Amino acid sequence: GGTLLHLACMSKKMDMIKAVMEVCSENINKKNKYEETILHPAAANGDVELMEYLIDNGADVNLCNCQKGYSAGFKAFELGNLKLCEKIISKGFFPMAVSDEAVLKIMEISPSSW
């Protein structure tokens, strides 16, 4: 159970995702039955292009997947992509939105950011 936008993002086809965003971008932070926004699977799959697009279009990097205990922002740090991490910080990533263990991992990956 998710939105049309969730389905489009699962396709990993940017042209389809952009077309769906034109008609239903208000669903960008809606969670599916697994407590995931569309940014969560993009982060879990390491899809940096999709993550950047979604973040630039209003995806909230701090929304937590309560079942798995992490935000998409945290997953981005796990990917270790400095450009993406800088974007997430600029969009208001708040590390306290994740567990203490996750915060320690973030600081281990990018200590100079804090």
Protein backbone atom coordinates (compact mmCIF):
# COMPACT_ATOMS: atom_id res chain seq x y z
CA GLY A 1 0.00 0.00 0.00
CA GLY A 2 1.47 3.24 -1.21
CA THR A 3 0.74 6.12 -3.52
CA LEU A 4 1.12 6.40 -7.26
CA LEU A 5 4.35 8.21 -6.50
CA HIS A 6 5.61 5.21 -4.51
CA LEU A 7 4.92 3.01 -7.53
CA ALA A 8 6.63 5.41 -9.92
CA CYS A 9 9.72 5.50 -7.70
CA MET A 10 9.84 1.72 -7.60
CA SER A 11 10.12 1.79 -11.41
CA LYS A 12 13.38 3.79 -11.08
CA LYS A 13 12.49 5.60 -14.33
CA MET A 14 13.12 9.31 -13.86
CA ASP A 15 10.83 10.36 -16.71
CA MET A 16 7.93 8.48 -15.12
CA ILE A 17 8.72 9.83 -11.66
CA LYS A 18 8.85 13.40 -12.96
CA ALA A 19 5.53 12.96 -14.79
CA VAL A 20 3.82 11.65 -11.65
CA MET A 21 5.37 14.45 -9.57
CA GLU A 22 3.72 16.99 -11.86
CA VAL A 23 0.27 15.74 -10.87
CA CYS A 24 0.70 14.52 -7.29
CA SER A 25 3.75 16.10 -5.68
CA GLU A 26 1.72 16.72 -2.51
CA ASN A 27 2.18 13.01 -1.71
CA ILE A 28 5.97 13.29 -1.58
CA ASN A 29 6.12 12.74 2.21
CA LYS A 30 3.20 10.33 2.54
CA LYS A 31 4.12 7.01 4.13
CA ASN A 32 3.13 3.59 2.83
CA LYS A 33 2.06 0.64 4.97
CA TYR A 34 5.74 -0.06 5.72
CA GLU A 35 6.18 3.45 7.21
CA GLU A 36 8.32 4.52 4.23
CA THR A 37 8.13 7.74 2.29
CA ILE A 38 9.35 7.55 -1.30
CA LEU A 39 12.73 8.81 -0.11
CA HIS A 40 13.34 5.72 2.07
CA PRO A 41 13.58 3.11 -0.72
CA ALA A 42 15.61 5.52 -2.85
CA ALA A 43 18.06 5.82 0.05
CA ALA A 44 18.05 2.10 0.80
CA ASN A 45 18.83 1.37 -2.87
CA GLY A 46 21.60 3.97 -2.98
CA ASP A 47 19.86 5.85 -5.79
CA VAL A 48 21.63 9.20 -5.40
CA GLU A 49 20.06 10.78 -8.50
CA LEU A 50 16.54 9.98 -7.31
CA MET A 51 17.31 11.09 -3.77
CA GLU A 52 18.65 14.44 -4.96
CA TYR A 53 15.59 14.96 -7.16
CA LEU A 54 13.17 14.11 -4.35
CA ILE A 55 14.99 16.28 -1.80
CA ASP A 56 15.07 19.20 -4.25
CA ASN A 57 11.31 18.77 -4.63
CA GLY A 58 10.42 18.77 -0.95
CA ALA A 59 11.06 15.27 0.40
CA ASP A 60 11.63 15.47 4.16
CA VAL A 61 15.01 13.96 5.06
CA ASN A 62 14.02 13.64 8.74
CA LEU A 63 10.91 11.47 8.47
CA CYS A 64 11.64 8.26 10.29
CA ASN A 65 10.71 4.77 9.19
CA CYS A 66 9.46 3.68 12.60
CA GLN A 67 9.55 -0.02 11.72
CA LYS A 68 13.25 0.09 10.84
CA GLY A 69 14.26 3.00 13.06
CA TYR A 70 16.04 5.26 10.58
CA SER A 71 15.43 8.34 8.49
CA ALA A 72 16.29 8.58 4.82
CA GLY A 73 18.84 11.23 5.83
CA PHE A 74 20.65 8.67 7.95
CA LYS A 75 20.65 6.15 5.09
CA ALA A 76 22.23 8.79 2.88
CA PHE A 77 25.10 9.11 5.33
CA GLU A 78 25.55 5.36 5.28
CA LEU A 79 26.01 5.59 1.50
CA GLY A 80 28.99 7.86 2.14
CA ASN A 81 28.24 10.18 -0.79
CA LEU A 82 29.65 13.54 0.37
CA LYS A 83 27.64 15.63 -2.12
CA LEU A 84 24.41 13.97 -1.02
CA CYS A 85 25.32 14.35 2.67
CA GLU A 86 25.98 18.07 2.17
CA LYS A 87 22.61 18.45 0.43
CA ILE A 88 20.84 16.66 3.26
CA ILE A 89 22.49 18.86 5.87
CA SER A 90 21.53 21.96 3.85
CA LYS A 91 17.91 20.74 3.82
CA GLY A 92 17.79 20.59 7.61
CA PHE A 93 18.82 17.04 8.45
CA PHE A 94 18.44 16.61 12.20
CA PRO A 95 20.43 13.62 13.47
CA MET A 96 18.42 13.41 16.67
CA ALA A 97 15.53 12.14 14.53
CA VAL A 98 17.30 8.78 14.63
CA SER A 99 18.60 6.54 17.41
CA ASP A 100 21.74 7.30 19.45
CA GLU A 101 23.52 4.47 17.63
CA ALA A 102 22.65 6.07 14.29
CA VAL A 103 23.98 9.45 15.45
CA LEU A 104 27.30 7.85 16.38
CA LYS A 105 27.46 6.24 12.93
CA ILE A 106 26.79 9.60 11.25
CA MET A 107 29.51 11.32 13.24
CA GLU A 108 31.92 8.49 12.42
CA ILE A 109 31.24 8.92 8.70
CA SER A 110 31.40 12.71 8.60
CA PRO A 111 32.89 14.21 11.78
CA SER A 112 33.83 17.50 10.14
CA SER A 113 30.17 18.25 9.33
CA TRP A 114 29.31 18.69 13.00
